[in-house]
N, C-alpha and C. Protein backbone atom coordinates (compact mmCIF):
# COMPACT_ATOMS: atom_id res chain seq x y z
N MET A 1 102.49 94.45 101.46
CA MET A 1 101.53 94.54 102.56
C MET A 1 100.49 95.62 102.26
N ILE A 2 99.22 95.26 102.41
CA ILE A 2 98.14 96.22 102.17
C ILE A 2 97.98 97.11 103.40
N LYS A 3 98.02 98.43 103.18
CA LYS A 3 97.87 99.40 104.26
C LYS A 3 96.63 100.27 104.11
N LEU A 4 95.98 100.17 102.94
CA LEU A 4 94.82 101.02 102.67
C LEU A 4 93.89 100.29 101.72
N VAL A 5 92.58 100.34 101.99
CA VAL A 5 91.57 99.81 101.06
C VAL A 5 90.67 100.98 100.66
N VAL A 6 90.53 101.15 99.34
CA VAL A 6 89.67 102.18 98.78
C VAL A 6 88.41 101.49 98.26
N PHE A 7 87.29 101.80 98.90
CA PHE A 7 86.01 101.17 98.58
C PHE A 7 85.12 102.10 97.76
N ASP A 8 84.54 101.57 96.70
CA ASP A 8 83.41 102.24 96.07
C ASP A 8 82.24 102.24 97.06
N MET A 9 81.26 103.12 96.79
CA MET A 9 80.12 103.22 97.71
C MET A 9 78.91 102.42 97.19
N ALA A 10 78.04 103.03 96.39
CA ALA A 10 76.80 102.37 95.95
C ALA A 10 77.11 101.11 95.15
N GLY A 11 76.50 100.01 95.56
CA GLY A 11 76.69 98.73 94.88
C GLY A 11 77.84 97.91 95.43
N THR A 12 78.69 98.54 96.25
CA THR A 12 79.84 97.84 96.83
C THR A 12 79.72 97.78 98.34
N THR A 13 79.66 98.93 98.99
CA THR A 13 79.51 98.99 100.45
C THR A 13 78.12 99.43 100.87
N ILE A 14 77.37 100.03 99.95
CA ILE A 14 76.05 100.58 100.27
C ILE A 14 75.02 100.00 99.32
N ASN A 15 73.93 99.49 99.88
CA ASN A 15 72.83 98.95 99.07
C ASN A 15 71.74 100.00 98.94
N GLU A 16 71.71 100.66 97.78
CA GLU A 16 70.65 101.65 97.52
C GLU A 16 69.76 101.17 96.37
N HIS A 17 69.77 99.84 96.18
CA HIS A 17 68.84 99.18 95.26
C HIS A 17 68.98 99.68 93.83
N ASN A 18 70.20 100.08 93.47
CA ASN A 18 70.50 100.53 92.10
C ASN A 18 69.69 101.76 91.70
N VAL A 19 69.24 102.52 92.69
CA VAL A 19 68.36 103.65 92.37
C VAL A 19 69.07 104.72 91.55
N VAL A 20 70.39 104.83 91.69
CA VAL A 20 71.10 105.88 90.95
C VAL A 20 70.97 105.68 89.45
N TYR A 21 71.15 104.43 88.99
CA TYR A 21 71.09 104.20 87.55
C TYR A 21 69.66 104.09 87.04
N LYS A 22 68.75 103.65 87.91
CA LYS A 22 67.34 103.70 87.55
C LYS A 22 66.88 105.14 87.39
N THR A 23 67.36 106.02 88.26
CA THR A 23 67.02 107.44 88.16
C THR A 23 67.65 108.06 86.93
N LEU A 24 68.90 107.75 86.68
CA LEU A 24 69.59 108.27 85.50
C LEU A 24 68.87 107.84 84.23
N HIS A 25 68.50 106.57 84.18
CA HIS A 25 67.78 106.02 83.04
C HIS A 25 66.45 106.74 82.83
N SER A 26 65.72 106.93 83.92
CA SER A 26 64.41 107.58 83.83
C SER A 26 64.53 109.02 83.34
N VAL A 27 65.47 109.77 83.90
CA VAL A 27 65.63 111.18 83.53
C VAL A 27 66.03 111.31 82.06
N ILE A 28 66.95 110.50 81.61
CA ILE A 28 67.38 110.58 80.21
C ILE A 28 66.20 110.28 79.28
N ASN A 29 65.46 109.21 79.57
CA ASN A 29 64.37 108.82 78.68
C ASN A 29 63.17 109.76 78.76
N GLN A 30 63.02 110.47 79.86
CA GLN A 30 61.98 111.48 79.95
C GLN A 30 62.26 112.67 79.02
N ASN A 31 63.48 112.72 78.53
CA ASN A 31 63.86 113.81 77.63
C ASN A 31 63.99 113.34 76.17
N GLY A 32 63.21 112.31 75.83
CA GLY A 32 63.08 111.94 74.44
C GLY A 32 63.93 110.79 73.95
N TYR A 33 64.65 110.12 74.85
CA TYR A 33 65.49 109.01 74.45
C TYR A 33 64.81 107.68 74.78
N THR A 34 65.37 106.60 74.26
CA THR A 34 64.77 105.28 74.48
C THR A 34 65.84 104.25 74.87
N PHE A 35 66.78 104.65 75.68
CA PHE A 35 67.83 103.73 76.11
C PHE A 35 67.27 102.70 77.09
N THR A 36 67.89 101.54 77.14
CA THR A 36 67.55 100.55 78.14
C THR A 36 68.38 100.80 79.40
N LEU A 37 67.93 100.22 80.51
CA LEU A 37 68.69 100.34 81.75
C LEU A 37 70.06 99.68 81.59
N ASN A 38 70.12 98.58 80.87
CA ASN A 38 71.41 97.92 80.66
C ASN A 38 72.38 98.80 79.90
N GLN A 39 71.89 99.57 78.95
CA GLN A 39 72.77 100.50 78.22
C GLN A 39 73.32 101.57 79.15
N VAL A 40 72.47 102.08 80.02
CA VAL A 40 72.92 103.09 80.97
C VAL A 40 73.96 102.50 81.92
N LEU A 41 73.74 101.28 82.38
CA LEU A 41 74.70 100.62 83.26
C LEU A 41 76.03 100.38 82.55
N GLU A 42 75.96 99.90 81.33
CA GLU A 42 77.18 99.60 80.59
C GLU A 42 78.02 100.85 80.34
N GLN A 43 77.35 101.96 80.05
CA GLN A 43 78.06 103.19 79.70
C GLN A 43 78.44 104.02 80.92
N GLY A 44 77.61 103.96 81.97
CA GLY A 44 77.78 104.93 83.03
C GLY A 44 78.20 104.43 84.39
N ALA A 45 78.16 103.13 84.62
CA ALA A 45 78.39 102.61 85.98
C ALA A 45 79.75 103.03 86.52
N GLY A 46 79.74 103.61 87.70
CA GLY A 46 80.97 103.97 88.39
C GLY A 46 81.57 105.31 88.01
N LYS A 47 81.08 105.91 86.94
CA LYS A 47 81.67 107.15 86.45
C LYS A 47 81.07 108.37 87.17
N GLU A 48 81.80 109.48 87.08
CA GLU A 48 81.21 110.76 87.48
C GLU A 48 79.94 110.91 86.67
N LYS A 49 78.86 111.36 87.31
CA LYS A 49 77.55 111.18 86.71
C LYS A 49 77.27 112.07 85.51
N LYS A 50 77.87 113.23 85.43
CA LYS A 50 77.71 114.03 84.21
C LYS A 50 78.39 113.33 83.04
N GLN A 51 79.55 112.72 83.31
CA GLN A 51 80.23 111.95 82.27
C GLN A 51 79.42 110.72 81.89
N ALA A 52 78.76 110.10 82.87
CA ALA A 52 77.90 108.95 82.59
C ALA A 52 76.77 109.33 81.64
N ILE A 53 76.19 110.50 81.84
CA ILE A 53 75.12 110.98 80.94
C ILE A 53 75.67 111.20 79.54
N ALA A 54 76.81 111.89 79.44
CA ALA A 54 77.40 112.17 78.13
C ALA A 54 77.74 110.88 77.39
N ASP A 55 78.30 109.90 78.12
CA ASP A 55 78.69 108.64 77.47
C ASP A 55 77.47 107.85 77.02
N THR A 56 76.38 107.92 77.78
CA THR A 56 75.15 107.25 77.36
C THR A 56 74.57 107.91 76.12
N LEU A 57 74.51 109.23 76.11
CA LEU A 57 73.97 109.94 74.95
C LEU A 57 74.81 109.70 73.70
N SER A 58 76.09 109.45 73.88
CA SER A 58 76.98 109.25 72.72
C SER A 58 76.64 107.98 71.94
N LEU A 59 75.82 107.10 72.54
CA LEU A 59 75.40 105.90 71.82
C LEU A 59 74.61 106.23 70.56
N HIS A 60 74.06 107.45 70.50
CA HIS A 60 73.31 107.87 69.32
C HIS A 60 74.22 108.30 68.17
N ASN A 61 75.53 108.26 68.43
CA ASN A 61 76.52 108.58 67.38
C ASN A 61 76.31 109.96 66.78
N LYS A 62 75.98 110.89 67.62
CA LYS A 62 75.92 112.28 67.18
C LYS A 62 76.49 113.15 68.30
N PRO A 63 76.97 114.35 67.95
CA PRO A 63 77.60 115.20 68.97
C PRO A 63 76.67 115.46 70.16
N VAL A 64 77.24 115.38 71.35
CA VAL A 64 76.49 115.65 72.57
C VAL A 64 76.74 117.10 72.98
N LYS A 65 75.68 117.88 73.05
CA LYS A 65 75.82 119.30 73.40
C LYS A 65 76.03 119.43 74.91
N PRO A 66 77.05 120.18 75.33
CA PRO A 66 77.30 120.35 76.77
C PRO A 66 76.09 120.89 77.52
N GLU A 67 75.33 121.80 76.89
CA GLU A 67 74.18 122.36 77.60
C GLU A 67 73.10 121.30 77.85
N GLU A 68 72.99 120.32 76.94
CA GLU A 68 72.03 119.24 77.17
C GLU A 68 72.50 118.35 78.32
N THR A 69 73.78 118.03 78.34
CA THR A 69 74.32 117.23 79.43
C THR A 69 74.13 117.94 80.77
N ASP A 70 74.41 119.24 80.80
CA ASP A 70 74.25 120.02 82.03
C ASP A 70 72.81 120.00 82.53
N ALA A 71 71.86 120.16 81.59
CA ALA A 71 70.44 120.18 81.97
C ALA A 71 70.00 118.82 82.51
N LEU A 72 70.42 117.75 81.86
CA LEU A 72 70.06 116.41 82.32
C LEU A 72 70.69 116.11 83.68
N TYR A 73 71.91 116.57 83.86
CA TYR A 73 72.60 116.35 85.13
C TYR A 73 71.87 117.05 86.28
N ALA A 74 71.43 118.26 86.04
CA ALA A 74 70.69 119.00 87.07
C ALA A 74 69.38 118.28 87.41
N GLN A 75 68.68 117.79 86.38
CA GLN A 75 67.45 117.04 86.62
C GLN A 75 67.74 115.76 87.40
N PHE A 76 68.82 115.09 87.03
CA PHE A 76 69.20 113.85 87.69
C PHE A 76 69.50 114.08 89.17
N LEU A 77 70.28 115.10 89.49
CA LEU A 77 70.62 115.37 90.89
C LEU A 77 69.37 115.63 91.72
N ALA A 78 68.45 116.42 91.18
CA ALA A 78 67.23 116.73 91.92
C ALA A 78 66.40 115.46 92.15
N ALA A 79 66.28 114.63 91.10
CA ALA A 79 65.50 113.40 91.21
C ALA A 79 66.15 112.40 92.16
N LEU A 80 67.48 112.29 92.10
CA LEU A 80 68.20 111.34 92.96
C LEU A 80 68.12 111.76 94.42
N ASN A 81 68.32 113.04 94.69
CA ASN A 81 68.24 113.51 96.07
C ASN A 81 66.85 113.25 96.65
N ASP A 82 65.81 113.47 95.84
CA ASP A 82 64.45 113.20 96.30
C ASP A 82 64.26 111.71 96.58
N ALA A 83 64.80 110.87 95.69
CA ALA A 83 64.68 109.42 95.88
C ALA A 83 65.39 108.98 97.16
N TYR A 84 66.60 109.48 97.38
CA TYR A 84 67.37 109.08 98.56
C TYR A 84 66.71 109.56 99.86
N LEU A 85 66.09 110.71 99.81
CA LEU A 85 65.44 111.23 101.01
C LEU A 85 64.28 110.35 101.47
N HIS A 86 63.68 109.63 100.52
CA HIS A 86 62.47 108.88 100.83
C HIS A 86 62.64 107.36 100.76
N MET A 87 63.87 106.88 100.71
CA MET A 87 64.08 105.44 100.62
C MET A 87 65.02 104.96 101.71
N GLU A 88 64.94 103.68 102.00
CA GLU A 88 65.85 103.07 102.97
C GLU A 88 67.16 102.72 102.29
N VAL A 89 68.24 103.07 102.94
CA VAL A 89 69.58 102.75 102.45
C VAL A 89 70.26 101.92 103.54
N THR A 90 70.87 100.82 103.15
CA THR A 90 71.48 99.93 104.13
C THR A 90 72.90 99.56 103.70
N PRO A 91 73.74 99.14 104.65
CA PRO A 91 75.06 98.64 104.27
C PRO A 91 74.94 97.33 103.50
N MET A 92 75.82 97.12 102.56
CA MET A 92 75.91 95.82 101.93
C MET A 92 76.28 94.78 102.99
N PRO A 93 75.79 93.55 102.86
CA PRO A 93 76.11 92.51 103.85
C PRO A 93 77.62 92.39 104.07
N GLY A 94 78.00 92.40 105.33
CA GLY A 94 79.40 92.21 105.69
C GLY A 94 80.23 93.47 105.72
N THR A 95 79.67 94.61 105.31
CA THR A 95 80.47 95.84 105.21
C THR A 95 81.01 96.28 106.56
N GLU A 96 80.13 96.42 107.54
CA GLU A 96 80.58 96.97 108.82
C GLU A 96 81.49 95.99 109.55
N GLU A 97 81.26 94.70 109.37
CA GLU A 97 82.15 93.69 109.95
C GLU A 97 83.54 93.79 109.30
N LEU A 98 83.58 94.00 107.99
CA LEU A 98 84.87 94.14 107.30
C LEU A 98 85.58 95.41 107.74
N PHE A 99 84.84 96.51 107.88
CA PHE A 99 85.45 97.75 108.35
C PHE A 99 86.09 97.53 109.73
N ALA A 100 85.38 96.85 110.63
CA ALA A 100 85.92 96.59 111.97
C ALA A 100 87.18 95.72 111.90
N TYR A 101 87.16 94.74 111.01
CA TYR A 101 88.33 93.87 110.83
C TYR A 101 89.53 94.68 110.35
N LEU A 102 89.31 95.55 109.35
CA LEU A 102 90.41 96.35 108.82
C LEU A 102 90.96 97.30 109.88
N ARG A 103 90.06 97.86 110.69
CA ARG A 103 90.51 98.74 111.77
C ARG A 103 91.37 97.97 112.77
N SER A 104 90.99 96.72 113.05
CA SER A 104 91.77 95.92 114.00
C SER A 104 93.17 95.63 113.46
N LYS A 105 93.31 95.64 112.13
CA LYS A 105 94.60 95.40 111.48
C LYS A 105 95.33 96.70 111.17
N LYS A 106 94.72 97.84 111.57
CA LYS A 106 95.29 99.17 111.32
C LYS A 106 95.46 99.44 109.82
N ILE A 107 94.50 98.96 109.03
CA ILE A 107 94.46 99.20 107.59
C ILE A 107 93.47 100.34 107.34
N GLY A 108 93.89 101.35 106.59
CA GLY A 108 93.05 102.50 106.34
C GLY A 108 91.85 102.18 105.47
N ILE A 109 90.78 102.95 105.67
CA ILE A 109 89.53 102.77 104.92
C ILE A 109 89.14 104.09 104.28
N VAL A 110 89.08 104.11 102.96
CA VAL A 110 88.63 105.29 102.22
C VAL A 110 87.44 104.91 101.36
N LEU A 111 86.41 105.73 101.38
CA LEU A 111 85.27 105.58 100.48
C LEU A 111 85.46 106.51 99.30
N ASN A 112 85.29 105.99 98.09
CA ASN A 112 85.35 106.88 96.93
C ASN A 112 84.16 106.60 96.00
N THR A 113 83.79 107.59 95.22
CA THR A 113 82.53 107.50 94.48
C THR A 113 82.50 108.44 93.29
N GLY A 114 81.70 108.05 92.29
CA GLY A 114 81.45 108.92 91.15
C GLY A 114 80.40 109.98 91.43
N TYR A 115 79.80 109.96 92.63
CA TYR A 115 78.87 111.01 93.04
C TYR A 115 79.62 112.31 93.33
N ASN A 116 78.87 113.41 93.40
CA ASN A 116 79.45 114.62 93.98
C ASN A 116 79.37 114.52 95.50
N ARG A 117 80.04 115.44 96.19
CA ARG A 117 80.13 115.34 97.65
C ARG A 117 78.77 115.46 98.36
N PRO A 118 77.90 116.41 97.98
CA PRO A 118 76.61 116.49 98.69
C PRO A 118 75.81 115.19 98.62
N THR A 119 75.80 114.53 97.45
CA THR A 119 75.05 113.28 97.32
C THR A 119 75.68 112.18 98.17
N ALA A 120 77.01 112.09 98.14
CA ALA A 120 77.69 111.07 98.92
C ALA A 120 77.46 111.28 100.41
N GLU A 121 77.50 112.53 100.86
CA GLU A 121 77.30 112.82 102.28
C GLU A 121 75.86 112.53 102.71
N LEU A 122 74.91 112.72 101.80
CA LEU A 122 73.52 112.36 102.10
C LEU A 122 73.40 110.86 102.37
N LEU A 123 74.06 110.05 101.54
CA LEU A 123 74.05 108.60 101.75
C LEU A 123 74.66 108.23 103.10
N LEU A 124 75.79 108.82 103.40
CA LEU A 124 76.47 108.50 104.66
C LEU A 124 75.63 108.90 105.86
N ALA A 125 74.95 110.03 105.76
CA ALA A 125 74.09 110.48 106.86
C ALA A 125 72.95 109.50 107.10
N LYS A 126 72.38 108.95 106.01
CA LYS A 126 71.29 107.99 106.17
C LYS A 126 71.77 106.70 106.85
N LEU A 127 73.03 106.37 106.65
CA LEU A 127 73.60 105.18 107.28
C LEU A 127 74.15 105.47 108.67
N ASN A 128 74.28 106.73 108.99
CA ASN A 128 74.94 107.16 110.23
C ASN A 128 76.39 106.69 110.30
N TRP A 129 77.04 106.66 109.13
CA TRP A 129 78.47 106.36 109.07
C TRP A 129 79.24 107.66 109.28
N GLN A 130 80.20 107.62 110.19
CA GLN A 130 80.93 108.82 110.55
C GLN A 130 82.42 108.67 110.28
N GLN A 131 83.00 109.74 109.72
CA GLN A 131 84.43 109.75 109.47
C GLN A 131 85.18 109.64 110.79
N GLY A 132 86.20 108.80 110.80
CA GLY A 132 86.98 108.59 112.02
C GLY A 132 86.45 107.45 112.87
N ILE A 133 85.22 107.01 112.59
CA ILE A 133 84.64 105.87 113.32
C ILE A 133 84.44 104.69 112.38
N HIS A 134 83.70 104.91 111.31
CA HIS A 134 83.44 103.84 110.35
C HIS A 134 84.47 103.83 109.21
N PHE A 135 84.95 104.99 108.83
CA PHE A 135 85.90 105.11 107.73
C PHE A 135 86.83 106.29 108.02
N ASP A 136 87.92 106.36 107.27
CA ASP A 136 88.91 107.42 107.50
C ASP A 136 88.66 108.66 106.65
N HIS A 137 88.33 108.45 105.37
CA HIS A 137 88.15 109.59 104.47
C HIS A 137 87.10 109.26 103.42
N LEU A 138 86.43 110.30 102.94
CA LEU A 138 85.52 110.24 101.80
C LEU A 138 86.12 111.06 100.68
N ILE A 139 86.23 110.48 99.50
CA ILE A 139 86.72 111.21 98.33
C ILE A 139 85.71 111.03 97.21
N THR A 140 85.21 112.14 96.67
CA THR A 140 84.18 112.09 95.64
C THR A 140 84.71 112.63 94.32
N ALA A 141 83.92 112.41 93.28
CA ALA A 141 84.32 112.88 91.95
C ALA A 141 84.49 114.39 91.90
N SER A 142 83.79 115.11 92.77
CA SER A 142 83.89 116.57 92.77
C SER A 142 85.11 117.07 93.55
N ASP A 143 85.90 116.16 94.12
CA ASP A 143 87.07 116.55 94.90
C ASP A 143 88.37 116.51 94.11
N VAL A 144 88.32 116.02 92.89
CA VAL A 144 89.55 115.80 92.11
C VAL A 144 89.38 116.35 90.69
N PRO A 145 90.50 116.66 90.02
CA PRO A 145 90.40 117.17 88.64
C PRO A 145 89.80 116.17 87.67
N ARG A 146 90.13 114.88 87.86
CA ARG A 146 89.66 113.85 86.93
C ARG A 146 89.05 112.70 87.72
N SER A 147 87.86 112.28 87.32
CA SER A 147 87.22 111.15 87.98
C SER A 147 87.63 109.85 87.30
N ARG A 148 87.04 108.75 87.74
CA ARG A 148 87.32 107.45 87.14
C ARG A 148 87.11 107.47 85.62
N PRO A 149 87.89 106.73 84.88
CA PRO A 149 88.87 105.71 85.30
C PRO A 149 90.24 106.27 85.68
N PHE A 150 90.40 107.59 85.66
CA PHE A 150 91.68 108.15 86.08
C PHE A 150 91.91 107.87 87.57
N PRO A 151 93.17 107.81 88.00
CA PRO A 151 93.48 107.37 89.36
C PRO A 151 93.51 108.48 90.41
N ASP A 152 93.02 109.68 90.06
CA ASP A 152 93.20 110.84 90.93
C ASP A 152 92.61 110.62 92.33
N MET A 153 91.45 109.97 92.44
CA MET A 153 90.86 109.76 93.77
C MET A 153 91.71 108.83 94.62
N ILE A 154 92.30 107.81 94.00
CA ILE A 154 93.17 106.90 94.74
C ILE A 154 94.45 107.61 95.13
N TRP A 155 95.00 108.41 94.23
CA TRP A 155 96.21 109.17 94.57
C TRP A 155 95.95 110.09 95.77
N LEU A 156 94.79 110.74 95.78
CA LEU A 156 94.46 111.62 96.91
C LEU A 156 94.32 110.81 98.19
N ALA A 157 93.71 109.64 98.10
CA ALA A 157 93.60 108.76 99.27
C ALA A 157 94.99 108.39 99.80
N MET A 158 95.91 108.11 98.90
CA MET A 158 97.28 107.78 99.30
C MET A 158 97.94 108.97 100.00
N GLN A 159 97.70 110.17 99.49
CA GLN A 159 98.26 111.36 100.14
C GLN A 159 97.74 111.48 101.57
N TYR A 160 96.44 111.29 101.74
CA TYR A 160 95.84 111.40 103.08
C TYR A 160 96.49 110.42 104.05
N HIS A 161 96.89 109.25 103.53
CA HIS A 161 97.45 108.21 104.39
C HIS A 161 98.98 108.14 104.30
N GLN A 162 99.57 109.14 103.67
CA GLN A 162 101.02 109.27 103.57
C GLN A 162 101.67 108.00 102.99
N LEU A 163 101.04 107.50 101.93
CA LEU A 163 101.56 106.33 101.23
C LEU A 163 102.12 106.77 99.88
N THR A 164 103.23 106.18 99.49
CA THR A 164 103.84 106.49 98.20
C THR A 164 103.85 105.30 97.25
N ASN A 165 103.65 104.10 97.78
CA ASN A 165 103.69 102.90 96.97
C ASN A 165 102.27 102.37 96.75
N PRO A 166 101.75 102.42 95.52
CA PRO A 166 100.39 101.94 95.29
C PRO A 166 100.22 100.45 95.52
N LEU A 167 101.32 99.70 95.60
CA LEU A 167 101.21 98.27 95.89
C LEU A 167 100.67 98.03 97.29
N ASN A 168 100.68 99.06 98.13
CA ASN A 168 100.13 98.96 99.48
C ASN A 168 98.63 99.23 99.52
N VAL A 169 98.01 99.43 98.34
CA VAL A 169 96.61 99.83 98.26
C VAL A 169 95.78 98.76 97.57
N THR A 170 94.59 98.50 98.12
CA THR A 170 93.58 97.68 97.46
C THR A 170 92.43 98.58 97.03
N LYS A 171 91.97 98.39 95.80
CA LYS A 171 90.76 99.07 95.31
C LYS A 171 89.70 98.03 95.04
N ILE A 172 88.46 98.29 95.51
CA ILE A 172 87.35 97.37 95.24
C ILE A 172 86.13 98.13 94.79
N GLY A 173 85.45 97.60 93.76
CA GLY A 173 84.24 98.23 93.27
C GLY A 173 83.42 97.29 92.41
N ASP A 174 82.19 97.71 92.11
CA ASP A 174 81.23 96.85 91.41
C ASP A 174 81.12 97.14 89.92
N SER A 175 82.00 97.99 89.39
CA SER A 175 81.93 98.34 87.97
C SER A 175 83.31 98.21 87.32
N THR A 176 83.30 98.07 86.01
CA THR A 176 84.57 97.96 85.29
C THR A 176 85.41 99.21 85.44
N VAL A 177 84.77 100.37 85.56
CA VAL A 177 85.54 101.61 85.68
C VAL A 177 86.23 101.69 87.04
N ASP A 178 85.67 101.03 88.07
CA ASP A 178 86.39 100.91 89.35
C ASP A 178 87.68 100.12 89.15
N ILE A 179 87.59 99.05 88.41
CA ILE A 179 88.76 98.22 88.16
C ILE A 179 89.80 98.99 87.34
N GLU A 180 89.34 99.68 86.31
CA GLU A 180 90.26 100.49 85.50
C GLU A 180 90.97 101.55 86.35
N GLU A 181 90.23 102.14 87.28
CA GLU A 181 90.80 103.13 88.20
C GLU A 181 91.93 102.51 89.02
N GLY A 182 91.65 101.32 89.59
CA GLY A 182 92.66 100.66 90.41
C GLY A 182 93.89 100.26 89.62
N ILE A 183 93.68 99.78 88.40
CA ILE A 183 94.81 99.38 87.55
C ILE A 183 95.64 100.60 87.17
N GLN A 184 94.98 101.69 86.79
CA GLN A 184 95.72 102.90 86.42
C GLN A 184 96.52 103.45 87.59
N ALA A 185 96.00 103.27 88.80
CA ALA A 185 96.73 103.74 89.99
C ALA A 185 97.88 102.82 90.36
N GLY A 186 97.90 101.60 89.79
CA GLY A 186 98.94 100.63 90.12
C GLY A 186 98.72 99.91 91.43
N CYS A 187 97.46 99.78 91.84
CA CYS A 187 97.15 99.16 93.14
C CYS A 187 97.66 97.73 93.23
N GLY A 188 98.06 97.35 94.43
CA GLY A 188 98.53 95.98 94.64
C GLY A 188 97.45 94.96 94.38
N LEU A 189 96.21 95.29 94.77
CA LEU A 189 95.05 94.45 94.49
C LEU A 189 93.95 95.33 93.92
N THR A 190 93.34 94.87 92.83
CA THR A 190 92.18 95.55 92.27
C THR A 190 91.07 94.50 92.15
N ILE A 191 90.02 94.69 92.94
CA ILE A 191 89.01 93.65 93.13
C ILE A 191 87.66 94.11 92.58
N GLY A 192 87.03 93.25 91.79
CA GLY A 192 85.66 93.49 91.38
C GLY A 192 84.72 92.72 92.30
N ILE A 193 83.51 93.26 92.50
CA ILE A 193 82.52 92.57 93.32
C ILE A 193 81.19 92.55 92.58
N THR A 194 80.47 91.44 92.68
CA THR A 194 79.29 91.18 91.84
C THR A 194 77.99 91.69 92.44
N THR A 195 78.06 92.55 93.45
CA THR A 195 76.85 92.96 94.17
C THR A 195 76.19 94.21 93.58
N GLY A 196 76.73 94.74 92.48
CA GLY A 196 76.22 96.01 91.98
C GLY A 196 75.97 96.06 90.50
N ALA A 197 76.62 97.00 89.83
CA ALA A 197 76.26 97.38 88.47
C ALA A 197 76.59 96.34 87.40
N HIS A 198 77.76 95.71 87.51
CA HIS A 198 78.23 94.85 86.44
C HIS A 198 78.30 93.38 86.85
N THR A 199 78.14 92.52 85.86
CA THR A 199 78.17 91.08 86.09
C THR A 199 79.61 90.59 86.26
N ARG A 200 79.74 89.36 86.72
CA ARG A 200 81.07 88.77 86.85
C ARG A 200 81.82 88.79 85.51
N LEU A 201 81.13 88.43 84.43
CA LEU A 201 81.77 88.42 83.11
C LEU A 201 82.24 89.81 82.72
N GLN A 202 81.40 90.81 82.93
CA GLN A 202 81.80 92.18 82.61
C GLN A 202 83.00 92.61 83.45
N LEU A 203 82.98 92.29 84.72
CA LEU A 203 84.10 92.66 85.59
C LEU A 203 85.39 91.96 85.17
N LEU A 204 85.30 90.70 84.82
CA LEU A 204 86.49 89.95 84.41
C LEU A 204 87.11 90.53 83.14
N GLN A 205 86.29 91.10 82.28
CA GLN A 205 86.81 91.69 81.05
C GLN A 205 87.75 92.87 81.32
N ALA A 206 87.60 93.49 82.50
CA ALA A 206 88.48 94.60 82.87
C ALA A 206 89.79 94.12 83.50
N LYS A 207 89.97 92.81 83.67
CA LYS A 207 91.19 92.17 84.14
C LYS A 207 91.58 92.59 85.57
N PRO A 208 90.67 92.40 86.53
CA PRO A 208 91.01 92.67 87.93
C PRO A 208 91.92 91.59 88.49
N THR A 209 92.43 91.81 89.68
CA THR A 209 93.17 90.77 90.39
C THR A 209 92.26 89.59 90.69
N ALA A 210 91.03 89.90 91.08
CA ALA A 210 90.04 88.87 91.42
C ALA A 210 88.65 89.49 91.37
N VAL A 211 87.65 88.61 91.28
CA VAL A 211 86.25 89.02 91.41
C VAL A 211 85.65 88.23 92.56
N ILE A 212 84.97 88.92 93.47
CA ILE A 212 84.38 88.26 94.62
C ILE A 212 82.86 88.50 94.63
N ASP A 213 82.17 87.71 95.45
CA ASP A 213 80.71 87.82 95.55
C ASP A 213 80.25 88.43 96.87
N HIS A 214 81.15 88.53 97.84
CA HIS A 214 80.78 89.02 99.16
C HIS A 214 82.00 89.72 99.77
N LEU A 215 81.75 90.83 100.45
CA LEU A 215 82.86 91.61 101.02
C LEU A 215 83.69 90.81 102.03
N SER A 216 83.08 89.84 102.68
CA SER A 216 83.81 89.05 103.67
C SER A 216 85.01 88.34 103.06
N GLU A 217 84.95 88.08 101.74
CA GLU A 217 86.07 87.40 101.07
C GLU A 217 87.34 88.23 101.11
N LEU A 218 87.21 89.54 101.30
CA LEU A 218 88.40 90.39 101.36
C LEU A 218 89.26 90.09 102.58
N MET A 219 88.66 89.57 103.65
CA MET A 219 89.42 89.34 104.87
C MET A 219 90.57 88.36 104.64
N ASN A 220 90.37 87.43 103.74
CA ASN A 220 91.42 86.45 103.46
C ASN A 220 92.51 86.98 102.55
N MET A 221 92.32 88.19 102.03
CA MET A 221 93.29 88.79 101.11
C MET A 221 94.17 89.84 101.78
N MET A 222 93.83 90.23 103.02
CA MET A 222 94.54 91.31 103.68
C MET A 222 95.70 90.77 104.53
């Protein structure tokens, strides 16, 4: 029986028009690189964003200096916060209806993300989503020792909900690293969704329980 659903944010429950990876791509290339947006998505989607930068730079097959990663990360955060302040952010279709359905079934709702907490909270404020009303907990990459694909965020979500069996947990996200996170945690269901960073084919390569095209499809799985 599923007692908790752990949702990714951008690209899964929140439509921010892929601005995070467009911003990441722009900042990296402004510093002398020539990566494509697809390369940034393939290397960085769903990950803690400093790690996403390091993994993208590693495509050049040369050592990545921590100070360069730190500098790019700082530039990225400033650019992303500015972008979010001036753009419309909306729920993905069906998100709030699904949240209401899960609440009616007394199934917990946790949002997790590769963002740091200030960025995630900025997104939630723009949506006017409130803890205890729309969702139960927010867990970000800055809240745990290890971000995706490690299962630390899901483990913390389980602690919050006093769950010990990961088979009672569903994880859903739009990137392969979301799926890897759910598998490493031992989730009962690990679901990919095609509304964000990765294609159906890419998601299937990570071997999820299923891949869906719309959040409403989750209602038949709970």
